[in-house]
Amino acid sequence: MDEQTKRRLRHIRDATEVNMRHKQDLARNSVERHERARVQIKSEVMENKNINYCKHMKWLN
């Protein structure tokens, strides 16, 4: 293989690794964001003193 082909393949390999890392980061951030949202919703519902949501939403217990 000539030098130009080697550089091209090296660049493709490095770009693929970066893209995979970026994809994994996005997936992890999405999961973390959903978990934080679930905790936030639960805390807002539990702090509401006017309505007893625990009777209607079994997942709060």
N, C-alpha and C. Protein backbone atom coordinates (compact mmCIF):
# COMPACT_ATOMS: atom_id res chain seq x y z
N MET A 1 0.84 -1.19 0.00
CA MET A 1 0.00 0.00 0.00
C MET A 1 0.88 1.24 0.00
N ASP A 2 0.43 2.22 -0.72
CA ASP A 2 1.20 3.46 -0.73
C ASP A 2 0.83 4.30 0.50
N GLU A 3 1.60 5.34 0.72
CA GLU A 3 1.46 6.17 1.91
C GLU A 3 0.10 6.88 1.96
N GLN A 4 -0.40 7.30 0.82
CA GLN A 4 -1.67 8.01 0.78
C GLN A 4 -2.82 7.09 1.21
N THR A 5 -2.81 5.88 0.77
CA THR A 5 -3.85 4.91 1.16
C THR A 5 -3.77 4.60 2.64
N LYS A 6 -2.56 4.48 3.16
CA LYS A 6 -2.39 4.22 4.60
C LYS A 6 -2.96 5.36 5.43
N ARG A 7 -2.68 6.61 5.01
CA ARG A 7 -3.20 7.76 5.73
C ARG A 7 -4.72 7.80 5.68
N ARG A 8 -5.27 7.48 4.50
CA ARG A 8 -6.71 7.50 4.33
C ARG A 8 -7.38 6.46 5.24
N LEU A 9 -6.83 5.26 5.26
CA LEU A 9 -7.38 4.21 6.11
C LEU A 9 -7.24 4.54 7.59
N ARG A 10 -6.12 5.14 7.96
CA ARG A 10 -5.91 5.54 9.35
C ARG A 10 -6.95 6.60 9.75
N HIS A 11 -7.19 7.53 8.85
CA HIS A 11 -8.18 8.58 9.12
C HIS A 11 -9.58 7.99 9.27
N ILE A 12 -9.92 7.05 8.41
CA ILE A 12 -11.23 6.40 8.49
C ILE A 12 -11.37 5.65 9.81
N ARG A 13 -10.32 4.94 10.20
CA ARG A 13 -10.35 4.19 11.47
C ARG A 13 -10.54 5.14 12.66
N ASP A 14 -9.77 6.22 12.68
CA ASP A 14 -9.88 7.18 13.78
C ASP A 14 -11.25 7.84 13.81
N ALA A 15 -11.78 8.19 12.65
CA ALA A 15 -13.10 8.82 12.59
C ALA A 15 -14.18 7.86 13.06
N THR A 16 -14.03 6.58 12.73
CA THR A 16 -15.01 5.59 13.16
C THR A 16 -15.00 5.46 14.68
N GLU A 17 -13.81 5.45 15.27
CA GLU A 17 -13.71 5.35 16.73
C GLU A 17 -14.33 6.56 17.40
N VAL A 18 -14.08 7.75 16.85
CA VAL A 18 -14.65 8.97 17.43
C VAL A 18 -16.17 8.95 17.32
N ASN A 19 -16.68 8.51 16.17
CA ASN A 19 -18.13 8.44 15.99
C ASN A 19 -18.77 7.45 16.95
N MET A 20 -18.14 6.31 17.16
CA MET A 20 -18.68 5.32 18.10
C MET A 20 -18.68 5.87 19.53
N ARG A 21 -17.60 6.55 19.90
CA ARG A 21 -17.53 7.15 21.23
C ARG A 21 -18.63 8.20 21.40
N HIS A 22 -18.82 9.01 20.36
CA HIS A 22 -19.86 10.04 20.40
C HIS A 22 -21.25 9.41 20.54
N LYS A 23 -21.49 8.32 19.81
CA LYS A 23 -22.77 7.63 19.88
C LYS A 23 -23.01 7.08 21.28
N GLN A 24 -21.97 6.51 21.89
CA GLN A 24 -22.11 5.97 23.25
C GLN A 24 -22.37 7.09 24.25
N ASP A 25 -21.70 8.23 24.08
CA ASP A 25 -21.91 9.37 24.97
C ASP A 25 -23.34 9.88 24.86
N LEU A 26 -23.86 9.97 23.65
CA LEU A 26 -25.23 10.44 23.47
C LEU A 26 -26.22 9.49 24.13
N ALA A 27 -26.02 8.20 23.97
CA ALA A 27 -26.92 7.22 24.57
C ALA A 27 -26.86 7.31 26.09
N ARG A 28 -25.65 7.40 26.65
CA ARG A 28 -25.51 7.50 28.10
C ARG A 28 -26.14 8.78 28.63
N ASN A 29 -25.92 9.90 27.93
CA ASN A 29 -26.50 11.17 28.37
C ASN A 29 -28.02 11.13 28.31
N SER A 30 -28.56 10.45 27.31
CA SER A 30 -30.01 10.34 27.19
C SER A 30 -30.59 9.56 28.38
N VAL A 31 -29.95 8.46 28.72
CA VAL A 31 -30.41 7.65 29.85
C VAL A 31 -30.33 8.46 31.14
N GLU A 32 -29.22 9.17 31.35
CA GLU A 32 -29.07 9.98 32.55
C GLU A 32 -30.11 11.09 32.60
N ARG A 33 -30.38 11.72 31.46
CA ARG A 33 -31.36 12.80 31.40
C ARG A 33 -32.75 12.28 31.74
N HIS A 34 -33.12 11.11 31.21
CA HIS A 34 -34.42 10.53 31.52
C HIS A 34 -34.54 10.18 33.00
N GLU A 35 -33.45 9.68 33.57
CA GLU A 35 -33.47 9.34 35.00
C GLU A 35 -33.65 10.60 35.85
N ARG A 36 -32.93 11.67 35.50
CA ARG A 36 -33.10 12.92 36.25
C ARG A 36 -34.51 13.47 36.11
N ALA A 37 -35.09 13.35 34.93
CA ALA A 37 -36.46 13.82 34.72
C ALA A 37 -37.44 13.02 35.56
N ARG A 38 -37.24 11.70 35.64
CA ARG A 38 -38.12 10.85 36.43
C ARG A 38 -38.04 11.23 37.91
N VAL A 39 -36.84 11.49 38.39
CA VAL A 39 -36.67 11.89 39.79
C VAL A 39 -37.34 13.25 40.03
N GLN A 40 -37.18 14.17 39.08
CA GLN A 40 -37.77 15.50 39.22
C GLN A 40 -39.30 15.42 39.25
N ILE A 41 -39.88 14.62 38.37
CA ILE A 41 -41.34 14.46 38.34
C ILE A 41 -41.84 13.87 39.65
N LYS A 42 -41.13 12.86 40.12
CA LYS A 42 -41.54 12.20 41.35
C LYS A 42 -41.48 13.17 42.53
N SER A 43 -40.43 13.98 42.61
CA SER A 43 -40.32 14.91 43.73
C SER A 43 -41.39 16.00 43.65
N GLU A 44 -41.71 16.47 42.43
CA GLU A 44 -42.76 17.49 42.30
C GLU A 44 -44.12 16.94 42.70
N VAL A 45 -44.40 15.70 42.31
CA VAL A 45 -45.68 15.09 42.64
C VAL A 45 -45.78 14.85 44.14
N MET A 46 -44.72 14.38 44.76
CA MET A 46 -44.75 14.08 46.19
C MET A 46 -44.87 15.34 47.04
N GLU A 47 -44.35 16.45 46.54
CA GLU A 47 -44.40 17.70 47.31
C GLU A 47 -45.75 18.39 47.21
N ASN A 48 -46.60 17.97 46.30
CA ASN A 48 -47.92 18.57 46.16
C ASN A 48 -48.80 18.11 47.31
N LYS A 49 -49.16 19.02 48.19
CA LYS A 49 -49.93 18.66 49.39
C LYS A 49 -51.43 18.71 49.15
N ASN A 50 -51.87 19.28 48.04
CA ASN A 50 -53.30 19.43 47.78
C ASN A 50 -53.95 18.13 47.28
N ILE A 51 -53.21 17.33 46.56
CA ILE A 51 -53.76 16.11 45.98
C ILE A 51 -52.91 14.93 46.43
N ASN A 52 -53.57 13.86 46.86
CA ASN A 52 -52.87 12.65 47.28
C ASN A 52 -52.68 11.76 46.05
N TYR A 53 -51.55 11.92 45.39
CA TYR A 53 -51.27 11.15 44.17
C TYR A 53 -50.92 9.70 44.47
N CYS A 54 -50.45 9.42 45.66
CA CYS A 54 -50.01 8.07 45.99
C CYS A 54 -51.16 7.06 45.86
N LYS A 55 -52.39 7.52 46.08
CA LYS A 55 -53.53 6.64 45.97
C LYS A 55 -53.76 6.21 44.51
N HIS A 56 -53.44 7.09 43.58
CA HIS A 56 -53.72 6.84 42.17
C HIS A 56 -52.50 6.32 41.41
N MET A 57 -51.30 6.63 41.88
CA MET A 57 -50.08 6.25 41.18
C MET A 57 -49.27 5.31 42.05
N LYS A 58 -49.39 4.04 41.79
CA LYS A 58 -48.73 3.04 42.62
C LYS A 58 -47.20 3.11 42.48
N TRP A 59 -46.69 3.63 41.36
CA TRP A 59 -45.23 3.67 41.14
C TRP A 59 -44.55 4.69 42.04
N LEU A 60 -45.30 5.53 42.74
CA LEU A 60 -44.68 6.51 43.63
C LEU A 60 -44.20 5.88 44.92
N ASN A 61 -44.78 4.75 45.29
CA ASN A 61 -44.41 4.12 46.56
C ASN A 61 -43.09 3.45 46.51
